[in-house]
Amino acid sequence: MNNNIFAKSRLAMAISLVIATSSAPLQAQDVANNNAEPEIEVIQISGIRGSLIRSMDVKREANGVVDAISAEEMGKFPDTNLAESLQRITGVTVSRANGEGSQITVRGFGPEFNLVTLNGRQMPGTGYTRSYSLENLASEGVSALEVQKTARAENPSGGLGATVNILTAKPLSSPGQRYSFSAKGIYDSSNEKGDDITPELAALYSNTFADEKFGVAISVSHQQRDFQRQYANIQGWQVQNTLPTLDAANVIDARPQDGDGNRLGPAFFPKDMNYGIDDVQRERSNGQITLQFAPVNNFVATLDYTASQAITGVETIGWGIWNEFGGNIRAYELDANGTAVYADISGNDGSFTASKGSTEVLARSVGLNLDWTISEDFHLSLDYHDSDNKTDNGADKGSGNYGQVIIGSDQLTTKVYDYRTGDIPQASILWRNGTSELTPAEMDSNFSQFTHSPGESAIKQLRLDGTWYNSVFKIPLVSIKTGAAYTKQTMGGYTAWSGLRGGAGFNPSFTAIFPDSMFVRNSTAGFLDQFSGGGLNMASPYYYTYSFDEAVARQRAFLTEAVMGDDVYVPDAYFDGIDSESYVEEKTTSVYLQSNWQFDVASFPVQLNIGVRYEETDVLSTVRQPVPLQVVWSSASEWIMQNEAGEDTFLDQTGKHDVLLPMFDFKVDLTDDVVARFSWGKTIARAPLGLLAGGRSLSGSPKIGSRTGGEGNTNLQPFESTNLDLSVEYYYAEGSYAAIGYFKKDVKNFIANDSVDMQFDGLHDIYLGPRYLTAQQQLIAGGDANPDIGDIYQQMLVNGHGTGANNATIVPTADDPLITWRITRPFNSEKKSVDGFELAVQHLFGSSGFGVGANATFVDGDVKFDVTSLDVQAPLNGLSDSANFQAFYENHGLSVKVTYAWRDSYLIGVGQSQGSSDAPPQFAKTFGQWDLSVNYAINDNLTVFFEGINLNNETEQGYGRYEEQFLFARQYGPRYAVGVRYTFK
């Protein structure tokens, strides 16, 4: 064994751990024990420079590929949001929620493929999901973030892309009294209805007592943020294989033709076009308390409790058009891909929507760790934690629902969709009043709907880990680490939906419900003004706002059971009980063995890690099974699934899988400054929860073209990736390095969806039934060559087929054909690969105070979505190139840092809420954001600072198969903060 290498490595790690504000209890106690180790005087470098040096040291000393971000000082993390900080790491990109980083993608693998741990403990996903939303966890109480990109036998499974470990402060790691307090005011330039300045407060306290045998650390933070989100949105694109025959003057079709002049390829039309404004109030509170007790030098007990609460309240006003297709297409223009860039469509409606609701996310984790150094050669650790994460979109104390009210009119001549110029499509309506503007007197009730869908994910985990350090055998073996764990993870939730209360479709008319004074006309000046075509350039430069509460109260008072029958207006998600409910329980038993070796090869110092992990998981799925009764036609554009009355049944299904996960890390010091690495190993990510839940669900609103459903599969095997990493790192000066790496991931058991057409006894289809066809023929005989579906609905009512309140609902009969449903079922399919390169450079310009850093990741693979195919596909979400840049100056108490994060276009996911059954894609366009922070230290304790987020006012945009298939555009605006921080050490 090369003792010189071993001693050098241990010393470097000890110094690094002392410098860091968070360390494992064992090493902390070793440093505190003067009898065990000579006292080492450490001069701690704080600020940006210190953070970068510590992060670089973690990367250099680590086995495998590890990147890290360290706090600049107590209570000061590089970014106010953990996800925003993580995107500075090579290969890590973020998706955004509410204009800030939320979930991470690592090397092209999205949030559900990455594992988040808190001080090494596996954390549950946010709500009924495996994905962890980092925006709900404040950064002030975090001392470091570590991203482990290669396999480690000792890590809990689930991090196929990476394992992200969040480290918090431990009092015995930094003895003595230390505290920090910060306060800042946040100004969000987008805010219109909330407070112009909102507070953010944070405090941290750490102290040790009784000769450093007892320690306590407490951190608390609270943030309020008021802002506005403006957007344009299309819910989905529908494939139209058959188009009406129109006059040539009304058609432009750029699709290619075959030899007979027939157009090749499908046509795509937008299901709707709507615009909206969300006024958002968000509060986030975090707290953590850590207690440590070291009665003797070789034993540390740590008890900690972490909790977070985030409440987001949203009030929305929206407006737009709704489209059904068929003979009501009057004119259109298609590009070469078949996408409608212009369409003139009659029928249906234009509406003004008000929505209101609050979502609460509650997370908590309580844990106990017992750390015992039995001797110089043996170390044991016993760890238990109980953690859960709950979401509730019914946190509005007044209603307990998320509610939506739709008011408008179907009294129109035609609607126009136009995306031939500008960044956002334009929608305009020619009303039957002869103008392009609906008057308040013509406002009519369409429908309202209310939902409540809470979810929870919880983990109870017990781990026992032991390490033996070899001081007996004269072999290159340094240590062996082994352990076992039992993990019980439960995830579940339910959905209650009121149905369409108050009927649907403006029939009969209830314009008398709403007085003209209820509606306020607004100009679109300032709306989406960062986009060409926004503001006063919109084709319809006005919208109405109204009170959600008043609209609900008026309809509740007027649309009673006596007036509406079964469509009575009740603003309650539980009008007919719970609509769907599912739970998944996973019990996992795991064992691992990991060894560390150090030796020389041709005078080159080498570190070798070899390990294996075995896991066995039992899966139990419990799903509420409503019994479908019939699908009724309740208005021209609304179809409703009705279930049988009485108690629903619960279906239990089981599954099982086991995995063997070997790993191998090889690290060699080619010179004193150059490190090369080779890593190979297997990692997994378990199947998404919605796919594991067994049972069958059918659409509750099965419109024409959207008769869809899904089935789960509890025996889905985990995604299993075989990973290869090669890298070279050059550490040429303090805090300065350059690195290049290649990675390849071969993933088997990739999950695909098999869609089949199915019919179920008893579920009959009014569409194309004998009564439908009769009404269609009557209209044709009356001179309407291409009657649209709304006209056919009205003719069926004239023919006496309506029932219920106002005879507006058509129910199926046994003479109607059975409905054909497109049922999607998951299964484990082919193997797919992703590979790429990572480049990083960090340079500190001596003692000048200047420094720069840049990194880029280039990824590719056979996991992309084929936009030309209408087959259901299983691509990899989130795959994209990315790059980050930062430059800073830090000297004489002044610290200035500017950062830029760039992400190329990527696949958000498969499926659009109102898209065709072919499960069309959602892509995000390229995004790049500039941020700035300025700190000035008035003295050793007091610092004032300024932060600027999204200084370039970057917007978010998305599209479908092609960029011409617009899906969304969102505008937030920059935000700024000014604050003060006081720190005592």
Foldseek 3Di string as FASTA:
>chain_A
DPVVVVVVLVVLVLLLLLLFQADDPQSLLCQLDCVNDPHDDHDHQAAPQNQLLSQVSCQVSDFAGKGKTFARDQQRGPDFFPLVVVLQDFQKDADDDQQDGWFIDGQQFTQLQAFEAEQQHTADDAFQWRGHTRRQDTDRQFGMKMWHQFDDQPHDFRNQRTYIYTYGGDQSSPEAKWKKKWKWWWAFPQADPDDRTWIKIKMKIKYADDSRQKIKIKIKIKTKDKFKKKKKFFQAKAWDQDADDADPVQEAEAADAPPVRHGDDIAIDTQKIKIKMKTKIKMKMKMKMKMWGHPDSFKIKIKMKIKMKMKMKIKMKMKIFGDDDWLQWHGFYAHHNNYTQKTKGAFDWIKIKIKIWMKMKIKMKIKMKMWGDPDPFKIKIKMKMKIKIKMKGLPPVVASWTKMFIKGDRQFGIKMWHRPDWDGIAIWTQGPVRDRDDALLRIWGFFMKIKIKMKMKIKIKIKMKMKGADPDDPAQWGIKMKMKMKMKMKIKIFMFMPPTAPFGAPVPTDSVLDDRVQKDKDFQAVRPVVIPCGHNNHPDGIDIDGDPVSVLVSQQVPQACVQFPVRRRDNHSCNPHIDKIKMKMKIKIKMKMKTWGWDDDVNKTKIKMKMKMKMKIKMKMKIWAFAWAEWKDRALFWIFIDTDDDGTDIDIDMAIDMDMKIKMKMWIDPDPFKIKIKIKMKGWRADIPVQLHADKDFDRTQGVLRRAIEGHHVHQDIWMKIKIKIKMKGHPDSSWIKMKMKMKIKIFQQKFKDKDKDFDPNYFDPVVFPLLVVLVVVVVVVPSVIDDSNSSLVSSVVVVQADGRSSRMHTDDPRGHTDIYTYIHMGGDGMKMKMWMKIKTKDDPPPQQKIKIKMKIDMDIPQDDDLSDLAGHRHRWRNWIWMKMKIWGDDPQKIKMKMKIKTAKTWHAFARPPYGPSGWTKIKHIWMFMKMKMWGAPDPFKIKMKIKTRQVQIKIFMATSDSSRGGMIMGIRMMMMIMMMGIDD
